Every structure is written in C-alpha cells, then in structure tokens.
C-alpha cells in the first residue's frame, strides 16, 4: 500500500484546483449537489443529493482540448480579477 497526497486550493468561489504528488491533477467547478471535474482523463459530471451519499456520475471522455484551454483561461481570469 502506497502513500497518496492530495491538496485542494480554492481559486474562486466554486472553483478548486486539485493537486497531487505529481502536480496539478484536476480542476473542479460547482457546488454541493453538482460538480464538473476536468482532468487528464477527461471531463466528469457529478450530480447528487447532499447529505445522502447518493450521486450519479457521467464520464464525458477526453474530448476537445479547446474546452480545457477555455476552462483554464476563465479560471485564471477569475483568479486575477479577485478584489
């Protein structure tokens, strides 16, 4: 059994940067009950009922690189325009 390292950094309200021992692992956006997670493995959408442990997750695959570029650009703009 190996050690794992995970750290979540809040970029803006509802947007988190997830770090692992190998670097940036993913970017998450959303709130309780609905979340979008973008990683090297692709896009995942999760919808759940908070407090129940019930959720449904869809995997959108590794599709368009442009979505990743636009998503990261929006995150950076939100981060630099924080006041």
Protein backbone atom coordinates (compact mmCIF):
# COMPACT_ATOMS: atom_id res chain seq x y z
CA UNK A 1 0.00 0.00 0.00
CA UNK A 2 1.47 3.36 -1.00
CA UNK A 3 1.09 6.89 0.26
CA UNK A 4 -1.12 9.39 -1.53
CA UNK A 5 -1.02 13.18 -1.44
CA UNK A 6 -3.97 15.41 -2.33
CA UNK A 7 -4.48 19.10 -1.72
CA UNK A 8 -7.38 21.32 -2.81
CA UNK A 9 -6.76 25.03 -3.44
CA UNK A 10 -9.71 27.40 -3.86
CA UNK A 11 -9.15 29.62 -6.93
CA UNK A 12 -12.51 31.42 -6.85
CA UNK A 13 -15.91 30.72 -5.31
CA UNK A 14 -16.95 27.32 -6.63
CA UNK A 15 -13.66 26.65 -8.47
CA UNK A 16 -10.94 24.45 -6.96
CA UNK A 17 -7.52 23.36 -8.17
CA UNK A 18 -6.70 19.81 -7.07
CA UNK A 19 -3.05 18.91 -6.53
CA UNK A 20 -1.38 15.51 -6.20
CA UNK A 21 2.21 14.41 -5.69
CA UNK A 22 2.77 14.60 -9.46
CA UNK A 23 1.41 18.15 -9.84
CA UNK A 24 -1.98 19.54 -10.87
CA UNK A 25 -4.38 16.62 -11.08
CA UNK A 26 -7.63 18.39 -11.97
CA UNK A 27 -9.81 21.49 -11.82
CA UNK A 28 -13.26 21.28 -10.24
CA UNK A 29 -16.16 23.68 -10.59
CA UNK A 30 -19.53 23.59 -8.91
CA UNK A 31 -21.10 23.35 -5.50
CA UNK A 32 -22.78 20.80 -3.29
CA UNK A 33 -25.00 18.61 -5.40
CA UNK A 34 -23.49 19.42 -8.80
CA UNK A 35 -19.82 19.33 -9.81
CA UNK A 36 -17.78 19.28 -13.02
CA UNK A 37 -14.24 17.87 -12.80
CA UNK A 38 -11.70 18.33 -15.59
CA UNK A 39 -8.52 16.21 -15.54
CA UNK A 40 -6.09 14.47 -17.88
CA UNK A 41 -8.56 11.58 -18.06
CA UNK A 42 -11.34 13.82 -19.32
CA UNK A 43 -14.46 15.55 -18.09
CA UNK A 44 -16.70 14.13 -15.36
CA UNK A 45 -20.04 15.49 -14.24
CA UNK A 46 -21.49 14.55 -10.87
CA UNK A 47 -24.98 15.25 -9.60
CA UNK A 48 -26.01 14.19 -6.11
CA UNK A 49 -28.34 14.74 -3.20
CA UNK A 50 -26.28 16.45 -0.46
CA UNK A 51 -26.11 14.60 2.84
CA UNK A 52 -27.42 11.28 1.49
CA UNK A 53 -24.35 9.80 -0.18
CA UNK A 54 -26.39 9.27 -3.37
CA UNK A 55 -24.90 10.60 -6.60
CA UNK A 56 -24.77 9.94 -10.33
CA UNK A 57 -21.58 10.46 -12.33
CA UNK A 58 -21.13 10.66 -16.10
CA UNK A 59 -17.81 10.39 -17.91
CA UNK A 60 -17.51 12.62 -20.97
CA UNK A 61 -14.11 11.23 -22.02
CA UNK A 62 -11.01 13.07 -23.12
CA UNK A 63 -12.78 15.10 -25.86
CA UNK A 64 -11.89 18.63 -27.00
CA UNK A 65 -8.67 20.24 -25.88
CA UNK A 66 -10.28 23.61 -26.58
CA UNK A 67 -12.69 23.08 -23.72
CA UNK A 68 -9.71 22.61 -21.40
CA UNK A 69 -7.98 25.75 -22.71
CA UNK A 70 -11.12 27.89 -22.34
CA UNK A 71 -11.89 26.49 -18.88
CA UNK A 72 -8.38 27.21 -17.60
CA UNK A 73 -8.45 30.71 -19.13
CA UNK A 74 -11.72 31.50 -17.34
CA UNK A 75 -10.28 30.21 -14.05
CA UNK A 76 -7.21 32.40 -14.44
CA UNK A 77 -9.28 35.48 -15.30
CA UNK A 78 -11.46 34.93 -12.22
CA UNK A 79 -8.39 34.43 -10.06
CA UNK A 80 -6.61 37.59 -11.23
CA UNK A 81 -9.73 39.78 -11.02
CA UNK A 82 -10.47 38.89 -7.39
CA UNK A 83 -10.66 42.02 -5.24
